Protein backbone atom coordinates (compact mmCIF):
# COMPACT_ATOMS: atom_id res chain seq x y z
CA UNK A 1 73.27 73.90 4.11
CA UNK A 2 71.35 72.93 0.86
CA UNK A 3 73.00 70.77 -1.83
CA UNK A 4 75.15 73.15 -3.92
CA UNK A 5 73.67 74.43 -7.21
CA UNK A 6 74.99 73.61 -10.55
CA UNK A 7 77.90 76.00 -11.29
CA UNK A 8 78.12 77.19 -7.69
CA UNK A 9 81.62 78.07 -6.44
CA UNK A 10 83.10 76.00 -3.80
CA UNK A 11 82.51 76.79 -0.15
CA UNK A 12 84.94 76.36 2.68
CA UNK A 13 84.12 74.18 5.83
CA UNK A 14 84.48 76.06 9.13
CA UNK A 15 85.36 72.74 10.71
CA UNK A 16 88.26 71.55 8.71
CA UNK A 17 89.21 74.51 6.54
CA UNK A 18 88.98 72.42 3.34
CA UNK A 19 86.27 72.68 0.63
CA UNK A 20 82.83 71.87 2.14
CA UNK A 21 82.11 68.01 1.88
CA UNK A 22 85.69 67.06 1.12
CA UNK A 23 86.60 66.60 4.87
CA UNK A 24 84.17 63.65 5.43
CA UNK A 25 84.39 61.24 7.12
CA UNK A 26 86.91 62.69 9.51
CA UNK A 27 85.51 66.26 9.67
CA UNK A 28 82.12 66.14 11.61
CA UNK A 29 80.87 69.25 9.70
CA UNK A 30 81.65 67.85 6.28
CA UNK A 31 80.26 64.32 7.36
CA UNK A 32 76.97 66.12 8.36
CA UNK A 33 76.91 67.94 4.94
CA UNK A 34 77.24 64.51 3.08
CA UNK A 35 74.61 62.96 5.18
CA UNK A 36 72.46 65.95 4.63
CA UNK A 37 72.33 65.41 0.90
CA UNK A 38 69.93 62.73 1.76
CA UNK A 39 67.60 64.51 4.27
CA UNK A 40 65.58 66.86 2.01
CA UNK A 41 64.76 64.12 -0.62
CA UNK A 42 63.67 61.75 2.15
CA UNK A 43 61.59 64.41 3.82
CA UNK A 44 59.98 65.15 0.49
CA UNK A 45 59.27 61.62 -0.18
CA UNK A 46 57.67 61.07 3.28
CA UNK A 47 55.41 64.18 2.52
CA UNK A 48 54.63 62.75 -0.88
CA UNK A 49 53.56 59.30 0.68
CA UNK A 50 51.54 61.19 3.33
CA UNK A 51 53.49 59.48 6.03
CA UNK A 52 51.94 59.79 9.57
CA UNK A 53 53.69 59.65 12.92
CA UNK A 54 55.36 56.26 13.46
CA UNK A 55 55.25 55.38 9.76
CA UNK A 56 58.67 56.33 8.66
CA UNK A 57 60.25 52.82 9.44
CA UNK A 58 57.59 51.13 7.43
CA UNK A 59 58.24 53.35 4.39
CA UNK A 60 61.90 52.83 4.80
CA UNK A 61 61.32 49.01 4.74
CA UNK A 62 59.20 49.39 1.49
CA UNK A 63 61.84 51.61 -0.17
CA UNK A 64 64.74 49.12 0.63
CA UNK A 65 62.75 46.34 -0.95
CA UNK A 66 62.14 48.18 -4.19
CA UNK A 67 65.29 50.04 -4.82
CA UNK A 68 65.03 50.51 -8.62
CA UNK A 69 61.85 52.60 -8.03
CA UNK A 70 63.44 55.39 -6.08
CA UNK A 71 66.06 58.06 -6.30
CA UNK A 72 69.31 56.93 -4.82
CA UNK A 73 69.14 59.59 -2.15
CA UNK A 74 65.70 58.43 -1.03
CA UNK A 75 67.11 54.82 -0.93
CA UNK A 76 70.21 55.63 0.91
CA UNK A 77 68.10 57.66 3.54
CA UNK A 78 65.73 54.64 3.88
CA UNK A 79 68.62 52.25 4.50
CA UNK A 80 69.89 54.66 7.19
CA UNK A 81 66.74 54.23 9.07
CA UNK A 82 66.98 50.43 9.22
CA UNK A 83 69.04 48.00 11.16
CA UNK A 84 71.03 45.15 9.67
CA UNK A 85 69.70 41.75 10.99
CA UNK A 86 73.24 40.28 10.88
CA UNK A 87 75.52 42.95 12.36
CA UNK A 88 72.88 45.25 14.03
CA UNK A 89 74.58 48.20 12.32
CA UNK A 90 73.12 50.65 9.95
CA UNK A 91 71.66 48.59 7.13
CA UNK A 92 74.16 48.45 4.14
CA UNK A 93 76.88 50.28 6.01
CA UNK A 94 78.05 47.47 8.33
CA UNK A 95 81.67 45.94 8.59
CA UNK A 96 83.40 44.29 5.56
CA UNK A 97 82.43 40.78 6.68
CA UNK A 98 78.72 41.44 7.12
CA UNK A 99 77.20 39.62 4.03
CA UNK A 100 73.72 41.19 4.57
CA UNK A 101 75.09 44.72 4.42
CA UNK A 102 77.42 43.76 1.52
CA UNK A 103 74.31 42.60 -0.42
CA UNK A 104 72.29 45.57 0.46
CA UNK A 105 75.09 47.75 -0.59
CA UNK A 106 75.10 46.29 -4.00
CA UNK A 107 71.54 46.71 -4.48
CA UNK A 108 71.79 50.47 -3.74
CA UNK A 109 73.20 50.80 -7.19
CA UNK A 110 69.77 49.89 -8.74
CA UNK A 111 68.27 53.07 -7.61
CA UNK A 112 67.64 55.97 -9.97
CA UNK A 113 70.24 58.42 -10.81
CA UNK A 114 68.93 61.45 -12.71
CA UNK A 115 71.37 64.08 -14.03
CA UNK A 116 70.43 67.64 -13.08
CA UNK A 117 70.01 70.07 -16.02
CA UNK A 118 73.25 71.58 -17.24
CA UNK A 119 75.67 68.78 -16.06
CA UNK A 120 77.64 66.32 -18.02
CA UNK A 121 75.94 62.91 -18.47
CA UNK A 122 77.06 60.64 -15.58
CA UNK A 123 77.58 63.54 -12.91
CA UNK A 124 74.75 62.21 -10.82
CA UNK A 125 76.25 58.54 -10.84
CA UNK A 126 79.66 60.06 -9.89
CA UNK A 127 78.05 61.98 -6.99
CA UNK A 128 76.21 58.88 -5.87
CA UNK A 129 79.36 56.66 -5.98
CA UNK A 130 81.59 59.16 -4.22
CA UNK A 131 78.85 59.76 -1.53
CA UNK A 132 78.77 56.00 -1.07
CA UNK A 133 82.44 55.59 -0.45
CA UNK A 134 82.63 58.55 1.85
CA UNK A 135 79.65 57.15 3.84
CA UNK A 136 81.07 53.64 4.11
CA UNK A 137 84.92 54.22 4.22
CA UNK A 138 85.89 51.22 5.87
CA UNK A 139 85.40 48.99 2.86
CA UNK A 140 87.63 50.90 0.52
CA UNK A 141 91.48 51.74 0.37
CA UNK A 142 92.80 55.00 1.81
CA UNK A 143 93.68 56.14 -1.72
CA UNK A 144 90.22 55.71 -3.13
CA UNK A 145 88.61 57.35 -0.17
CA UNK A 146 91.04 60.37 -0.68
CA UNK A 147 90.16 60.75 -4.34
CA UNK A 148 86.39 60.28 -3.74
CA UNK A 149 86.17 62.76 -0.83
CA UNK A 150 88.32 65.50 -2.44
CA UNK A 151 86.40 65.22 -5.78
CA UNK A 152 82.87 65.52 -4.27
CA UNK A 153 82.84 69.34 -4.03
CA UNK A 154 83.41 69.67 -7.76
CA UNK A 155 81.00 66.84 -8.63
CA UNK A 156 78.15 68.65 -6.49
CA UNK A 157 78.87 71.82 -8.50
CA UNK A 158 78.07 69.88 -11.61
CA UNK A 159 81.46 69.19 -12.92
CA UNK A 160 82.95 65.68 -14.07
CA UNK A 161 86.40 64.92 -15.04
CA UNK A 162 86.89 63.48 -18.35
CA UNK A 163 88.21 59.86 -18.87
CA UNK A 164 91.71 61.27 -19.52
CA UNK A 165 91.58 63.45 -16.37
CA UNK A 166 90.47 60.43 -14.29
CA UNK A 167 93.18 58.36 -15.69
CA UNK A 168 95.71 61.22 -15.03
CA UNK A 169 94.57 61.46 -11.33
CA UNK A 170 94.84 57.59 -10.86
CA UNK A 171 98.33 57.67 -12.29
CA UNK A 172 99.37 60.52 -10.24
CA UNK A 173 98.13 58.99 -6.97
CA UNK A 174 99.70 55.69 -7.61
CA UNK A 175 103.26 57.40 -7.86
CA UNK A 176 102.99 59.87 -5.13
CA UNK A 177 104.06 59.12 -1.65
CA UNK A 178 101.17 58.61 0.76
CA UNK A 179 102.04 61.70 2.88
CA UNK A 180 101.92 64.03 -0.12
CA UNK A 181 98.89 62.56 -1.93
CA UNK A 182 96.19 64.97 -0.38
CA UNK A 183 98.23 68.03 -1.35
CA UNK A 184 98.90 66.84 -4.92
CA UNK A 185 95.48 65.75 -5.53
CA UNK A 186 93.91 69.00 -4.36
CA UNK A 187 96.10 71.00 -6.70
CA UNK A 188 95.27 68.61 -9.58
CA UNK A 189 91.56 68.74 -8.87
CA UNK A 190 91.60 72.46 -8.49
CA UNK A 191 93.20 72.81 -11.89
CA UNK A 192 90.52 70.56 -13.38
CA UNK A 193 87.57 72.34 -11.62
CA UNK A 194 88.73 75.86 -12.66
CA UNK A 195 90.09 74.97 -16.25
CA UNK A 196 88.78 77.21 -19.01
CA UNK A 197 86.26 74.57 -20.38
CA UNK A 198 84.72 74.29 -16.83
CA UNK A 199 84.48 77.93 -16.30
């Protein structure tokens, strides 16, 4: 499934029944969609570089060493193709106590984040942060993961909560019992995504 276009309505996931992308990392189909956000840009980059058979890893190494010269999706895809020398996991996505992965994770934010036409400034950064959290869930709180994954479909459609809306979401989550947070947050985000100024 291609990345949603700006203004495209939310699609439902056949795997979890929620909005597509929002079930990651637990829903395998949503997780594949989130990972898929990186595949097309990576393949386009390999074609641009004229990569031949067996050169993908070398190009991934090059990209990981110059993060500020590449789109965030290309950098993340490159890191997915490398192994960490410390924990042997996927580079930048290792356990909390892997200093090499933590350092690489920090460097990922040097990558370029270019907003698409027709979106509020900062939309691409918000997508980038939410994708990063969803793809590395073991380093964040359950509350933050919940907010990031449920907000992702709206962000991908080109929306961006205002500062006031983000503060309202944060306050609401903090005062809502854990077993009710998902339902309450889905209702609140739904009201933001379909409010008159966003339609």
